[in-house]
Amino acid sequence: MKTFAKNDFYIQLSLFIIGLITVFLGIVVFENAVVYLFYFIVGIPQLISFIIRAFQEIKKSWLYIVYGIFIIPVWISWLIILAFNNNNEVTNVLIASIFYSPFLAIIYVYDTYEFYKSQK
C-alpha cells in the first residue's frame, strides 16, 4: 500500500504539472487549440487512481468523497455523449465541469499527498 500511495502521488503530481504546461503551450503557442487536453491528461489518470482507491479497504477522506461526487457524473456524461451522440441535457453537465474540474484536480492531488503521508 505504501508503494501504491507513493507512486500514485508522484504520478498525479507529474501529470498535473504536464497538464499545466499543456495549458500554457495551448494559450501561448497554439492559441487555445490544446487547452482542453488538460482535462484528459489530468482527468483520465485521476479517474483510474480514484477507481483503484475505491476498491481498496482504506478509510476514504472527505476530499476523496467530494471529488467522486462531482467527477463521476462528468465521466458518465462523456460516455453517454459518445454512446448516443449529442444530448443537450448531458452537455450541460460537461459545460459546468469545465469550470470546476481544475479545482477538483488540485483537490485530488492534495488528497493523494495526504494519503501518501498517512502511509509512511
PDB file of N, CA and C in Angstrom:
ATOM      1  N   MET A   1       0.824  -1.197   0.000  1.00  0.00           N
ATOM      2  CA  MET A   1       0.000   0.000   0.000  1.00  0.00           C
ATOM      3  C   MET A   1       0.869   1.261   0.000  1.00  0.00           C
ATOM      4  N   LYS A   2       1.998   1.198   0.721  1.00  0.00           N
ATOM      5  CA  LYS A   2       2.889   2.357   0.762  1.00  0.00           C
ATOM      6  C   LYS A   2       3.418   2.684  -0.634  1.00  0.00           C
ATOM      7  N   THR A   3       3.778   1.648  -1.359  1.00  0.00           N
ATOM      8  CA  THR A   3       4.320   1.853  -2.706  1.00  0.00           C
ATOM      9  C   THR A   3       3.264   2.456  -3.620  1.00  0.00           C
ATOM     10  N   PHE A   4       2.032   1.934  -3.550  1.00  0.00           N
ATOM     11  CA  PHE A   4       0.958   2.484  -4.368  1.00  0.00           C
ATOM     12  C   PHE A   4       0.723   3.957  -4.025  1.00  0.00           C
ATOM     13  N   ALA A   5       0.673   4.287  -2.742  1.00  0.00           N
ATOM     14  CA  ALA A   5       0.428   5.664  -2.321  1.00  0.00           C
ATOM     15  C   ALA A   5       1.523   6.591  -2.833  1.00  0.00           C
ATOM     16  N   LYS A   6       2.753   6.152  -2.717  1.00  0.00           N
ATOM     17  CA  LYS A   6       3.880   6.963  -3.177  1.00  0.00           C
ATOM     18  C   LYS A   6       3.823   7.156  -4.691  1.00  0.00           C
ATOM     19  N   ASN A   7       3.689   6.055  -5.430  1.00  0.00           N
ATOM     20  CA  ASN A   7       3.634   6.141  -6.890  1.00  0.00           C
ATOM     21  C   ASN A   7       2.437   6.948  -7.366  1.00  0.00           C
ATOM     22  N   ASP A   8       1.295   6.748  -6.734  1.00  0.00           N
ATOM     23  CA  ASP A   8       0.081   7.462  -7.112  1.00  0.00           C
ATOM     24  C   ASP A   8       0.269   8.963  -6.944  1.00  0.00           C
ATOM     25  N   PHE A   9       0.819   9.372  -5.826  1.00  0.00           N
ATOM     26  CA  PHE A   9       1.026  10.806  -5.604  1.00  0.00           C
ATOM     27  C   PHE A   9       1.965  11.397  -6.647  1.00  0.00           C
ATOM     28  N   TYR A  10       3.104  10.757  -6.866  1.00  0.00           N
ATOM     29  CA  TYR A  10       4.071  11.312  -7.814  1.00  0.00           C
ATOM     30  C   TYR A  10       3.551  11.292  -9.251  1.00  0.00           C
ATOM     31  N   ILE A  11       2.800  10.281  -9.605  1.00  0.00           N
ATOM     32  CA  ILE A  11       2.203  10.240 -10.948  1.00  0.00           C
ATOM     33  C   ILE A  11       1.172  11.363 -11.088  1.00  0.00           C
ATOM     34  N   GLN A  12       0.297  11.516 -10.090  1.00  0.00           N
ATOM     35  CA  GLN A  12      -0.727  12.562 -10.159  1.00  0.00           C
ATOM     36  C   GLN A  12      -0.103  13.952 -10.204  1.00  0.00           C
ATOM     37  N   LEU A  13       0.915  14.172  -9.394  1.00  0.00           N
ATOM     38  CA  LEU A  13       1.581  15.475  -9.374  1.00  0.00           C
ATOM     39  C   LEU A  13       2.266  15.744 -10.710  1.00  0.00           C
ATOM     40  N   SER A  14       2.963  14.761 -11.241  1.00  0.00           N
ATOM     41  CA  SER A  14       3.658  14.919 -12.524  1.00  0.00           C
ATOM     42  C   SER A  14       2.676  15.216 -13.654  1.00  0.00           C
ATOM     43  N   LEU A  15       1.585  14.466 -13.705  1.00  0.00           N
ATOM     44  CA  LEU A  15       0.614  14.683 -14.775  1.00  0.00           C
ATOM     45  C   LEU A  15      -0.112  16.017 -14.624  1.00  0.00           C
ATOM     46  N   PHE A  16      -0.300  16.464 -13.388  1.00  0.00           N
ATOM     47  CA  PHE A  16      -0.904  17.779 -13.174  1.00  0.00           C
ATOM     48  C   PHE A  16       0.021  18.868 -13.715  1.00  0.00           C
ATOM     49  N   ILE A  17       1.315  18.742 -13.448  1.00  0.00           N
ATOM     50  CA  ILE A  17       2.278  19.721 -13.951  1.00  0.00           C
ATOM     51  C   ILE A  17       2.344  19.673 -15.475  1.00  0.00           C
ATOM     52  N   ILE A  18       2.346  18.477 -16.043  1.00  0.00           N
ATOM     53  CA  ILE A  18       2.324  18.332 -17.507  1.00  0.00           C
ATOM     54  C   ILE A  18       1.059  18.970 -18.077  1.00  0.00           C
ATOM     55  N   GLY A  19      -0.070  18.782 -17.391  1.00  0.00           N
ATOM     56  CA  GLY A  19      -1.329  19.403 -17.828  1.00  0.00           C
ATOM     57  C   GLY A  19      -1.240  20.920 -17.814  1.00  0.00           C
ATOM     58  N   LEU A  20      -0.622  21.485 -16.780  1.00  0.00           N
ATOM     59  CA  LEU A  20      -0.456  22.938 -16.715  1.00  0.00           C
ATOM     60  C   LEU A  20       0.454  23.446 -17.829  1.00  0.00           C
ATOM     61  N   ILE A  21       1.508  22.701 -18.104  1.00  0.00           N
ATOM     62  CA  ILE A  21       2.407  23.078 -19.205  1.00  0.00           C
ATOM     63  C   ILE A  21       1.646  23.033 -20.530  1.00  0.00           C
ATOM     64  N   THR A  22       0.795  22.041 -20.693  1.00  0.00           N
ATOM     65  CA  THR A  22      -0.023  21.930 -21.905  1.00  0.00           C
ATOM     66  C   THR A  22      -0.946  23.134 -22.049  1.00  0.00           C
ATOM     67  N   VAL A  23      -1.545  23.553 -20.935  1.00  0.00           N
ATOM     68  CA  VAL A  23      -2.416  24.734 -20.969  1.00  0.00           C
ATOM     69  C   VAL A  23      -1.603  25.955 -21.386  1.00  0.00           C
ATOM     70  N   PHE A  24      -0.438  26.127 -20.787  1.00  0.00           N
ATOM     71  CA  PHE A  24       0.407  27.270 -21.125  1.00  0.00           C
ATOM     72  C   PHE A  24       0.785  27.241 -22.602  1.00  0.00           C
ATOM     73  N   LEU A  25       1.211  26.089 -23.095  1.00  0.00           N
ATOM     74  CA  LEU A  25       1.561  25.974 -24.508  1.00  0.00           C
ATOM     75  C   LEU A  25       0.351  26.195 -25.395  1.00  0.00           C
ATOM     76  N   GLY A  26      -0.790  25.727 -24.955  1.00  0.00           N
ATOM     77  CA  GLY A  26      -2.010  25.903 -25.736  1.00  0.00           C
ATOM     78  C   GLY A  26      -2.387  27.364 -25.892  1.00  0.00           C
ATOM     79  N   ILE A  27      -2.181  28.138 -24.839  1.00  0.00           N
ATOM     80  CA  ILE A  27      -2.526  29.561 -24.883  1.00  0.00           C
ATOM     81  C   ILE A  27      -1.486  30.344 -25.666  1.00  0.00           C
ATOM     82  N   VAL A  28      -0.213  30.092 -25.380  1.00  0.00           N
ATOM     83  CA  VAL A  28       0.853  30.887 -25.973  1.00  0.00           C
ATOM     84  C   VAL A  28       1.200  30.452 -27.391  1.00  0.00           C
ATOM     85  N   VAL A  29       1.405  29.167 -27.581  1.00  0.00           N
ATOM     86  CA  VAL A  29       1.908  28.676 -28.861  1.00  0.00           C
ATOM     87  C   VAL A  29       0.786  28.354 -29.848  1.00  0.00           C
ATOM     88  N   PHE A  30      -0.203  27.606 -29.383  1.00  0.00           N
ATOM     89  CA  PHE A  30      -1.228  27.106 -30.306  1.00  0.00           C
ATOM     90  C   PHE A  30      -2.528  27.893 -30.253  1.00  0.00           C
ATOM     91  N   GLU A  31      -2.554  28.981 -29.545  1.00  0.00           N
ATOM     92  CA  GLU A  31      -3.730  29.842 -29.455  1.00  0.00           C
ATOM     93  C   GLU A  31      -4.985  29.075 -29.048  1.00  0.00           C
ATOM     94  N   ASN A  32      -4.932  28.443 -27.878  1.00  0.00           N
ATOM     95  CA  ASN A  32      -6.051  27.735 -27.246  1.00  0.00           C
ATOM     96  C   ASN A  32      -6.440  26.425 -27.918  1.00  0.00           C
ATOM     97  N   ALA A  33      -5.704  25.975 -28.896  1.00  0.00           N
ATOM     98  CA  ALA A  33      -6.092  24.750 -29.603  1.00  0.00           C
ATOM     99  C   ALA A  33      -5.978  23.507 -28.729  1.00  0.00           C
ATOM    100  N   VAL A  34      -5.048  23.487 -27.788  1.00  0.00           N
ATOM    101  CA  VAL A  34      -4.831  22.284 -26.982  1.00  0.00           C
ATOM    102  C   VAL A  34      -5.127  22.487 -25.502  1.00  0.00           C
ATOM    103  N   VAL A  35      -5.741  23.574 -25.148  1.00  0.00           N
ATOM    104  CA  VAL A  35      -6.017  23.851 -23.739  1.00  0.00           C
ATOM    105  C   VAL A  35      -6.872  22.757 -23.121  1.00  0.00           C
ATOM    106  N   TYR A  36      -7.805  22.217 -23.864  1.00  0.00           N
ATOM    107  CA  TYR A  36      -8.706  21.210 -23.315  1.00  0.00           C
ATOM    108  C   TYR A  36      -8.044  19.856 -23.103  1.00  0.00           C
ATOM    109  N   LEU A  37      -6.829  19.677 -23.612  1.00  0.00           N
ATOM    110  CA  LEU A  37      -6.094  18.445 -23.333  1.00  0.00           C
ATOM    111  C   LEU A  37      -5.804  18.299 -21.847  1.00  0.00           C
ATOM    112  N   PHE A  38      -5.742  19.426 -21.131  1.00  0.00           N
ATOM    113  CA  PHE A  38      -5.518  19.383 -19.678  1.00  0.00           C
ATOM    114  C   PHE A  38      -6.526  18.454 -19.009  1.00  0.00           C
ATOM    115  N   TYR A  39      -7.759  18.528 -19.431  1.00  0.00           N
ATOM    116  CA  TYR A  39      -8.818  17.746 -18.811  1.00  0.00           C
ATOM    117  C   TYR A  39      -8.602  16.246 -18.989  1.00  0.00           C
ATOM    118  N   PHE A  40      -8.011  15.859 -20.097  1.00  0.00           N
ATOM    119  CA  PHE A  40      -7.775  14.441 -20.343  1.00  0.00           C
ATOM    120  C   PHE A  40      -6.422  13.985 -19.801  1.00  0.00           C
ATOM    121  N   ILE A  41      -5.406  14.835 -19.916  1.00  0.00           N
ATOM    122  CA  ILE A  41      -4.079  14.493 -19.395  1.00  0.00           C
ATOM    123  C   ILE A  41      -4.146  14.291 -17.885  1.00  0.00           C
ATOM    124  N   VAL A  42      -4.892  15.128 -17.214  1.00  0.00           N
ATOM    125  CA  VAL A  42      -5.011  15.051 -15.757  1.00  0.00           C
ATOM    126  C   VAL A  42      -6.177  14.167 -15.348  1.00  0.00           C
ATOM    127  N   GLY A  43      -7.279  14.277 -16.035  1.00  0.00           N
ATOM    128  CA  GLY A  43      -8.513  13.616 -15.619  1.00  0.00           C
ATOM    129  C   GLY A  43      -8.533  12.107 -15.735  1.00  0.00           C
ATOM    130  N   ILE A  44      -8.044  11.575 -16.831  1.00  0.00           N
ATOM    131  CA  ILE A  44      -8.088  10.122 -17.020  1.00  0.00           C
ATOM    132  C   ILE A  44      -7.231   9.396 -15.983  1.00  0.00           C
ATOM    133  N   PRO A  45      -5.979   9.820 -15.745  1.00  0.00           N
ATOM    134  CA  PRO A  45      -5.212   9.153 -14.682  1.00  0.00           C
ATOM    135  C   PRO A  45      -5.840   9.323 -13.294  1.00  0.00           C
ATOM    136  N   GLN A  46      -6.457  10.478 -13.043  1.00  0.00           N
ATOM    137  CA  GLN A  46      -7.122  10.658 -11.753  1.00  0.00           C
ATOM    138  C   GLN A  46      -8.308   9.719 -11.628  1.00  0.00           C
ATOM    139  N   LEU A  47      -9.046   9.525 -12.700  1.00  0.00           N
ATOM    140  CA  LEU A  47     -10.180   8.601 -12.659  1.00  0.00           C
ATOM    141  C   LEU A  47      -9.701   7.172 -12.399  1.00  0.00           C
ATOM    142  N   ILE A  48      -8.635   6.768 -13.054  1.00  0.00           N
ATOM    143  CA  ILE A  48      -8.088   5.429 -12.834  1.00  0.00           C
ATOM    144  C   ILE A  48      -7.643   5.274 -11.382  1.00  0.00           C
ATOM    145  N   SER A  49      -6.934   6.264 -10.868  1.00  0.00           N
ATOM    146  CA  SER A  49      -6.493   6.236  -9.471  1.00  0.00           C
ATOM    147  C   SER A  49      -7.683   6.198  -8.519  1.00  0.00           C
ATOM    148  N   PHE A  50      -8.707   7.001  -8.830  1.00  0.00           N
ATOM    149  CA  PHE A  50      -9.907   7.050  -8.000  1.00  0.00           C
ATOM    150  C   PHE A  50     -10.567   5.675  -7.922  1.00  0.00           C
ATOM    151  N   ILE A  51     -10.682   5.016  -9.064  1.00  0.00           N
ATOM    152  CA  ILE A  51     -11.325   3.700  -9.103  1.00  0.00           C
ATOM    153  C   ILE A  51     -10.498   2.666  -8.348  1.00  0.00           C
ATOM    154  N   ILE A  52      -9.181   2.694  -8.523  1.00  0.00           N
ATOM    155  CA  ILE A  52      -8.320   1.765  -7.788  1.00  0.00           C
ATOM    156  C   ILE A  52      -8.479   1.971  -6.288  1.00  0.00           C
ATOM    157  N   ARG A  53      -8.454   3.221  -5.847  1.00  0.00           N
ATOM    158  CA  ARG A  53      -8.592   3.508  -4.416  1.00  0.00           C
ATOM    159  C   ARG A  53      -9.988   3.183  -3.902  1.00  0.00           C
ATOM    160  N   ALA A  54     -10.989   3.251  -4.774  1.00  0.00           N
ATOM    161  CA  ALA A  54     -12.361   2.953  -4.348  1.00  0.00           C
ATOM    162  C   ALA A  54     -12.496   1.498  -3.904  1.00  0.00           C
ATOM    163  N   PHE A  55     -11.724   0.602  -4.525  1.00  0.00           N
ATOM    164  CA  PHE A  55     -11.828  -0.813  -4.202  1.00  0.00           C
ATOM    165  C   PHE A  55     -10.842  -1.272  -3.128  1.00  0.00           C
ATOM    166  N   GLN A  56     -10.052  -0.366  -2.620  1.00  0.00           N
ATOM    167  CA  GLN A  56      -9.149  -0.708  -1.526  1.00  0.00           C
ATOM    168  C   GLN A  56      -9.869  -0.510  -0.201  1.00  0.00           C
ATOM    169  N   GLU A  57      -9.544  -1.350   0.737  1.00  0.00           N
ATOM    170  CA  GLU A  57     -10.176  -1.265   2.045  1.00  0.00           C
ATOM    171  C   GLU A  57      -9.387  -0.311   2.944  1.00  0.00           C
ATOM    172  N   ILE A  58      -9.518   0.957   2.611  1.00  0.00           N
ATOM    173  CA  ILE A  58      -8.892   2.011   3.397  1.00  0.00           C
ATOM    174  C   ILE A  58      -9.956   3.052   3.707  1.00  0.00           C
ATOM    175  N   LYS A  59      -9.694   3.828   4.728  1.00  0.00           N
ATOM    176  CA  LYS A  59     -10.638   4.891   5.058  1.00  0.00           C
ATOM    177  C   LYS A  59     -10.547   5.985   3.999  1.00  0.00           C
ATOM    178  N   LYS A  60     -11.679   6.376   3.472  1.00  0.00           N
ATOM    179  CA  LYS A  60     -11.735   7.404   2.438  1.00  0.00           C
ATOM    180  C   LYS A  60     -11.868   8.773   3.108  1.00  0.00           C
ATOM    181  N   SER A  61     -11.069   9.725   2.636  1.00  0.00           N
ATOM    182  CA  SER A  61     -11.119  11.079   3.186  1.00  0.00           C
ATOM    183  C   SER A  61     -12.344  11.810   2.638  1.00  0.00           C
ATOM    184  N   TRP A  62     -12.704  12.894   3.280  1.00  0.00           N
ATOM    185  CA  TRP A  62     -13.861  13.663   2.810  1.00  0.00           C
ATOM    186  C   TRP A  62     -13.533  14.318   1.471  1.00  0.00           C
ATOM    187  N   LEU A  63     -12.260  14.666   1.216  1.00  0.00           N
ATOM    188  CA  LEU A  63     -11.879  15.226  -0.084  1.00  0.00           C
ATOM    189  C   LEU A  63     -12.060  14.194  -1.194  1.00  0.00           C
ATOM    190  N   TYR A  64     -11.717  12.953  -0.898  1.00  0.00           N
ATOM    191  CA  TYR A  64     -11.873  11.874  -1.864  1.00  0.00           C
ATOM    192  C   TYR A  64     -13.354  11.693  -2.211  1.00  0.00           C
ATOM    193  N   ILE A  65     -14.206  11.739  -1.219  1.00  0.00           N
ATOM    194  CA  ILE A  65     -15.648  11.577  -1.431  1.00  0.00           C
ATOM    195  C   ILE A  65     -16.216  12.743  -2.236  1.00  0.00           C
ATOM    196  N   VAL A  66     -15.825  13.974  -1.907  1.00  0.00           N
ATOM    197  CA  VAL A  66     -16.286  15.154  -2.649  1.00  0.00           C
ATOM    198  C   VAL A  66     -15.834  15.060  -4.104  1.00  0.00           C
ATOM    199  N   TYR A  67     -14.586  14.673  -4.306  1.00  0.00           N
ATOM    200  CA  TYR A  67     -14.062  14.503  -5.665  1.00  0.00           C
ATOM    201  C   TYR A  67     -14.943  13.521  -6.448  1.00  0.00           C
ATOM    202  N   GLY A  68     -15.235  12.389  -5.846  1.00  0.00           N
ATOM    203  CA  GLY A  68     -16.047  11.378  -6.507  1.00  0.00           C
ATOM    204  C   GLY A  68     -17.450  11.861  -6.836  1.00  0.00           C
ATOM    205  N   ILE A  69     -18.068  12.575  -5.912  1.00  0.00           N
ATOM    206  CA  ILE A  69     -19.433  13.069  -6.126  1.00  0.00           C
ATOM    207  C   ILE A  69     -19.500  14.015  -7.320  1.00  0.00           C
ATOM    208  N   PHE A  70     -18.473  14.825  -7.494  1.00  0.00           N
ATOM    209  CA  PHE A  70     -18.506  15.809  -8.576  1.00  0.00           C
ATOM    210  C   PHE A  70     -17.911  15.311  -9.890  1.00  0.00           C
ATOM    211  N   ILE A  71     -16.981  14.364  -9.840  1.00  0.00           N
ATOM    212  CA  ILE A  71     -16.297  13.989 -11.074  1.00  0.00           C
ATOM    213  C   ILE A  71     -16.936  12.788 -11.776  1.00  0.00           C
ATOM    214  N   ILE A  72     -17.528  11.877 -11.051  1.00  0.00           N
ATOM    215  CA  ILE A  72     -18.134  10.700 -11.684  1.00  0.00           C
ATOM    216  C   ILE A  72     -19.240  11.089 -12.675  1.00  0.00           C
ATOM    217  N   PRO A  73     -20.129  12.051 -12.359  1.00  0.00           N
ATOM    218  CA  PRO A  73     -21.132  12.448 -13.362  1.00  0.00           C
ATOM    219  C   PRO A  73     -20.525  12.990 -14.650  1.00  0.00           C
ATOM    220  N   VAL A  74     -19.359  13.594 -14.558  1.00  0.00           N
ATOM    221  CA  VAL A  74     -18.703  14.115 -15.757  1.00  0.00           C
ATOM    222  C   VAL A  74     -18.310  12.971 -16.674  1.00  0.00           C
ATOM    223  N   TRP A  75     -17.690  11.939 -16.124  1.00  0.00           N
ATOM    224  CA  TRP A  75     -17.273  10.809 -16.952  1.00  0.00           C
ATOM    225  C   TRP A  75     -18.473  10.026 -17.477  1.00  0.00           C
ATOM    226  N   ILE A  76     -19.518   9.921 -16.688  1.00  0.00           N
ATOM    227  CA  ILE A  76     -20.740   9.270 -17.172  1.00  0.00           C
ATOM    228  C   ILE A  76     -21.333  10.079 -18.334  1.00  0.00           C
ATOM    229  N   SER A  77     -21.290  11.400 -18.219  1.00  0.00           N
ATOM    230  CA  SER A  77     -21.789  12.259 -19.292  1.00  0.00           C
ATOM    231  C   SER A  77     -20.997  12.056 -20.574  1.00  0.00           C
ATOM    232  N   TRP A  78     -19.671  11.945 -20.455  1.00  0.00           N
ATOM    233  CA  TRP A  78     -18.844  11.690 -21.633  1.00  0.00           C
ATOM    234  C   TRP A  78     -19.231  10.371 -22.294  1.00  0.00           C
ATOM    235  N   LEU A  79     -19.453   9.354 -21.487  1.00  0.00           N
ATOM    236  CA  LEU A  79     -19.836   8.052 -22.041  1.00  0.00           C
ATOM    237  C   LEU A  79     -21.183   8.119 -22.751  1.00  0.00           C
ATOM    238  N   ILE A  80     -22.128   8.848 -22.158  1.00  0.00           N
ATOM    239  CA  ILE A  80     -23.451   8.990 -22.785  1.00  0.00           C
ATOM    240  C   ILE A  80     -23.336   9.727 -24.108  1.00  0.00           C
ATOM    241  N   ILE A  81     -22.552  10.787 -24.143  1.00  0.00           N
ATOM    242  CA  ILE A  81     -22.381  11.544 -25.384  1.00  0.00           C
ATOM    243  C   ILE A  81     -21.733  10.675 -26.459  1.00  0.00           C
ATOM    244  N   LEU A  82     -20.721   9.904 -26.063  1.00  0.00           N
ATOM    245  CA  LEU A  82     -20.063   9.036 -27.037  1.00  0.00           C
ATOM    246  C   LEU A  82     -20.987   7.916 -27.525  1.00  0.00           C
ATOM    247  N   ALA A  83     -21.820   7.400 -26.627  1.00  0.00           N
ATOM    248  CA  ALA A  83     -22.698   6.292 -26.994  1.00  0.00           C
ATOM    249  C   ALA A  83     -23.918   6.744 -27.802  1.00  0.00           C
ATOM    250  N   PHE A  84     -24.487   7.894 -27.438  1.00  0.00           N
ATOM    251  CA  PHE A  84     -25.741   8.336 -28.055  1.00  0.00           C
ATOM    252  C   PHE A  84     -25.595   9.638 -28.836  1.00  0.00           C
ATOM    253  N   ASN A  85     -24.379   9.900 -29.289  1.00  0.00           N
ATOM    254  CA  ASN A  85     -24.064  11.148 -29.981  1.00  0.00           C
ATOM    255  C   ASN A  85     -24.274  12.321 -29.042  1.00  0.00           C
ATOM    256  N   ASN A  86     -24.979  13.349 -29.460  1.00  0.00           N
ATOM    257  CA  ASN A  86     -25.084  14.549 -28.636  1.00  0.00           C
ATOM    258  C   ASN A  86     -26.432  14.606 -27.918  1.00  0.00           C
ATOM    259  N   ASN A  87     -26.405  14.915 -26.638  1.00  0.00           N
ATOM    260  CA  ASN A  87     -27.608  15.070 -25.824  1.00  0.00           C
ATOM    261  C   ASN A  87     -27.444  16.379 -25.061  1.00  0.00           C
ATOM    262  N   ASN A  88     -28.333  17.342 -25.295  1.00  0.00           N
ATOM    263  CA  ASN A  88     -28.170  18.678 -24.720  1.00  0.00           C
ATOM    264  C   ASN A  88     -28.176  18.693 -23.199  1.00  0.00           C
ATOM    265  N   GLU A  89     -29.009  17.877 -22.575  1.00  0.00           N
ATOM    266  CA  GLU A  89     -29.059  17.864 -21.114  1.00  0.00           C
ATOM    267  C   GLU A  89     -27.741  17.358 -20.524  1.00  0.00           C
ATOM    268  N   VAL A  90     -27.175  16.368 -21.131  1.00  0.00           N
ATOM    269  CA  VAL A  90     -25.901  15.814 -20.667  1.00  0.00           C
ATOM    270  C   VAL A  90     -24.774  16.809 -20.929  1.00  0.00           C
ATOM    271  N   THR A  91     -24.861  17.519 -22.027  1.00  0.00           N
ATOM    272  CA  THR A  91     -23.831  18.502 -22.369  1.00  0.00           C
ATOM    273  C   THR A  91     -23.736  19.589 -21.309  1.00  0.00           C
ATOM    274  N   ASN A  92     -24.833  19.931 -20.673  1.00  0.00           N
ATOM    275  CA  ASN A  92     -24.803  20.948 -19.616  1.00  0.00           C
ATOM    276  C   ASN A  92     -23.907  20.535 -18.453  1.00  0.00           C
ATOM    277  N   VAL A  93     -23.892  19.265 -18.117  1.00  0.00           N
ATOM    278  CA  VAL A  93     -23.012  18.771 -17.055  1.00  0.00           C
ATOM    279  C   VAL A  93     -21.555  18.987 -17.456  1.00  0.00           C
ATOM    280  N   LEU A  94     -21.251  18.719 -18.713  1.00  0.00           N
ATOM    281  CA  LEU A  94     -19.880  18.886 -19.183  1.00  0.00           C
ATOM    282  C   LEU A  94     -19.462  20.347 -19.216  1.00  0.00           C
ATOM    283  N   ILE A  95     -20.367  21.214 -19.590  1.00  0.00           N
ATOM    284  CA  ILE A  95     -20.055  22.640 -19.611  1.00  0.00           C
ATOM    285  C   ILE A  95     -19.765  23.128 -18.196  1.00  0.00           C
ATOM    286  N   ALA A  96     -20.563  22.714 -17.242  1.00  0.00           N
ATOM    287  CA  ALA A  96     -20.312  23.099 -15.847  1.00  0.00           C
ATOM    288  C   ALA A  96     -18.982  22.541 -15.359  1.00  0.00           C
ATOM    289  N   SER A  97     -18.652  21.342 -15.796  1.00  0.00           N
ATOM    290  CA  SER A  97     -17.411  20.715 -15.321  1.00  0.00           C
ATOM    291  C   SER A  97     -16.168  21.423 -15.836  1.00  0.00           C
ATOM    292  N   ILE A  98     -16.267  22.139 -16.930  1.00  0.00           N
ATOM    293  CA  ILE A  98     -15.124  22.900 -17.432  1.00  0.00           C
ATOM    294  C   ILE A  98     -14.640  23.878 -16.369  1.00  0.00           C
ATOM    295  N   PHE A  99     -15.567  24.412 -15.598  1.00  0.00           N
ATOM    296  CA  PHE A  99     -15.208  25.402 -14.584  1.00  0.00           C
ATOM    297  C   PHE A  99     -14.728  24.779 -13.281  1.00  0.00           C
ATOM    298  N   TYR A 100     -15.316  23.661 -12.862  1.00  0.00           N
ATOM    299  CA  TYR A 100     -14.932  23.126 -11.559  1.00  0.00           C
ATOM    300  C   TYR A 100     -13.919  21.987 -11.603  1.00  0.00           C
ATOM    301  N   SER A 101     -13.698  21.381 -12.745  1.00  0.00           N
ATOM    302  CA  SER A 101     -12.743  20.267 -12.829  1.00  0.00           C
ATOM    303  C   SER A 101     -11.312  20.638 -12.446  1.00  0.00           C
ATOM    304  N   PRO A 102     -10.797  21.801 -12.850  1.00  0.00           N
ATOM    305  CA  PRO A 102      -9.433  22.141 -12.415  1.00  0.00           C
ATOM    306  C   PRO A 102      -9.290  22.222 -10.892  1.00  0.00           C
ATOM    307  N   PHE A 103     -10.304  22.703 -10.220  1.00  0.00           N
ATOM    308  CA  PHE A 103     -10.264  22.759  -8.749  1.00  0.00           C
ATOM    309  C   PHE A 103     -10.305  21.348  -8.161  1.00  0.00           C
ATOM    310  N   LEU A 104     -11.103  20.483  -8.773  1.00  0.00           N
ATOM    311  CA  LEU A 104     -11.144  19.093  -8.318  1.00  0.00           C
ATOM    312  C   LEU A 104      -9.809  18.401  -8.554  1.00  0.00           C
ATOM    313  N   ALA A 105      -9.132  18.745  -9.635  1.00  0.00           N
ATOM    314  CA  ALA A 105      -7.815  18.156  -9.908  1.00  0.00           C
ATOM    315  C   ALA A 105      -6.829  18.542  -8.808  1.00  0.00           C
ATOM    316  N   ILE A 106      -6.861  19.791  -8.393  1.00  0.00           N
ATOM    317  CA  ILE A 106      -5.994  20.251  -7.300  1.00  0.00           C
ATOM    318  C   ILE A 106      -6.340  19.520  -6.015  1.00  0.00           C
ATOM    319  N   ILE A 107      -7.625  19.404  -5.735  1.00  0.00           N
ATOM    320  CA  ILE A 107      -8.073  18.700  -4.532  1.00  0.00           C
ATOM    321  C   ILE A 107      -7.588  17.254  -4.560  1.00  0.00           C
ATOM    322  N   TYR A 108      -7.669  16.614  -5.715  1.00  0.00           N
ATOM    323  CA  TYR A 108      -7.280  15.206  -5.793  1.00  0.00           C
ATOM    324  C   TYR A 108      -5.776  15.039  -5.595  1.00  0.00           C
ATOM    325  N   VAL A 109      -4.982  15.913  -6.180  1.00  0.00           N
ATOM    326  CA  VAL A 109      -3.531  15.835  -5.986  1.00  0.00           C
ATOM    327  C   VAL A 109      -3.202  16.023  -4.504  1.00  0.00           C
ATOM    328  N   TYR A 110      -3.861  16.978  -3.864  1.00  0.00           N
ATOM    329  CA  TYR A 110      -3.644  17.190  -2.432  1.00  0.00           C
ATOM    330  C   TYR A 110      -4.070  15.952  -1.632  1.00  0.00           C
ATOM    331  N   ASP A 111      -5.196  15.359  -2.001  1.00  0.00           N
ATOM    332  CA  ASP A 111      -5.678  14.168  -1.293  1.00  0.00           C
ATOM    333  C   ASP A 111      -4.714  12.997  -1.464  1.00  0.00           C
ATOM    334  N   THR A 112      -4.140  12.842  -2.659  1.00  0.00           N
ATOM    335  CA  THR A 112      -3.161  11.766  -2.840  1.00  0.00           C
ATOM    336  C   THR A 112      -1.913  12.026  -2.003  1.00  0.00           C
ATOM    337  N   TYR A 113      -1.563  13.304  -1.830  1.00  0.00           N
ATOM    338  CA  TYR A 113      -0.432  13.644  -0.964  1.00  0.00           C
ATOM    339  C   TYR A 113      -0.735  13.268   0.484  1.00  0.00           C
ATOM    340  N   GLU A 114      -1.911  13.621   0.942  1.00  0.00           N
ATOM    341  CA  GLU A 114      -2.309  13.286   2.317  1.00  0.00           C
ATOM    342  C   GLU A 114      -2.373  11.770   2.515  1.00  0.00           C
ATOM    343  N   PHE A 115      -2.865  11.056   1.519  1.00  0.00           N
ATOM    344  CA  PHE A 115      -2.919   9.597   1.578  1.00  0.00           C
ATOM    345  C   PHE A 115      -1.506   9.022   1.644  1.00  0.00           C
ATOM    346  N   TYR A 116      -0.613   9.571   0.831  1.00  0.00           N
ATOM    347  CA  TYR A 116       0.792   9.145   0.827  1.00  0.00           C
ATOM    348  C   TYR A 116       1.439   9.397   2.190  1.00  0.00           C
ATOM    349  N   LYS A 117       1.202  10.582   2.760  1.00  0.00           N
ATOM    350  CA  LYS A 117       1.754  10.907   4.075  1.00  0.00           C
ATOM    351  C   LYS A 117       1.230   9.969   5.156  1.00  0.00           C
ATOM    352  N   SER A 118      -0.030   9.586   5.060  1.00  0.00           N
ATOM    353  CA  SER A 118      -0.623   8.726   6.091  1.00  0.00           C
ATOM    354  C   SER A 118      -0.091   7.293   6.030  1.00  0.00           C
ATOM    355  N   GLN A 119       0.498   6.914   4.904  1.00  0.00           N
ATOM    356  CA  GLN A 119       1.007   5.554   4.743  1.00  0.00           C
ATOM    357  C   GLN A 119       2.455   5.390   5.207  1.00  0.00           C
ATOM    358  N   LYS A 120       3.107   6.488   5.540  1.00  0.00           N
ATOM    359  CA  LYS A 120       4.515   6.408   5.963  1.00  0.00           C
ATOM    360  C   LYS A 120       4.683   5.741   7.291  1.00  0.00           C
TER     361      LYS A 120
END
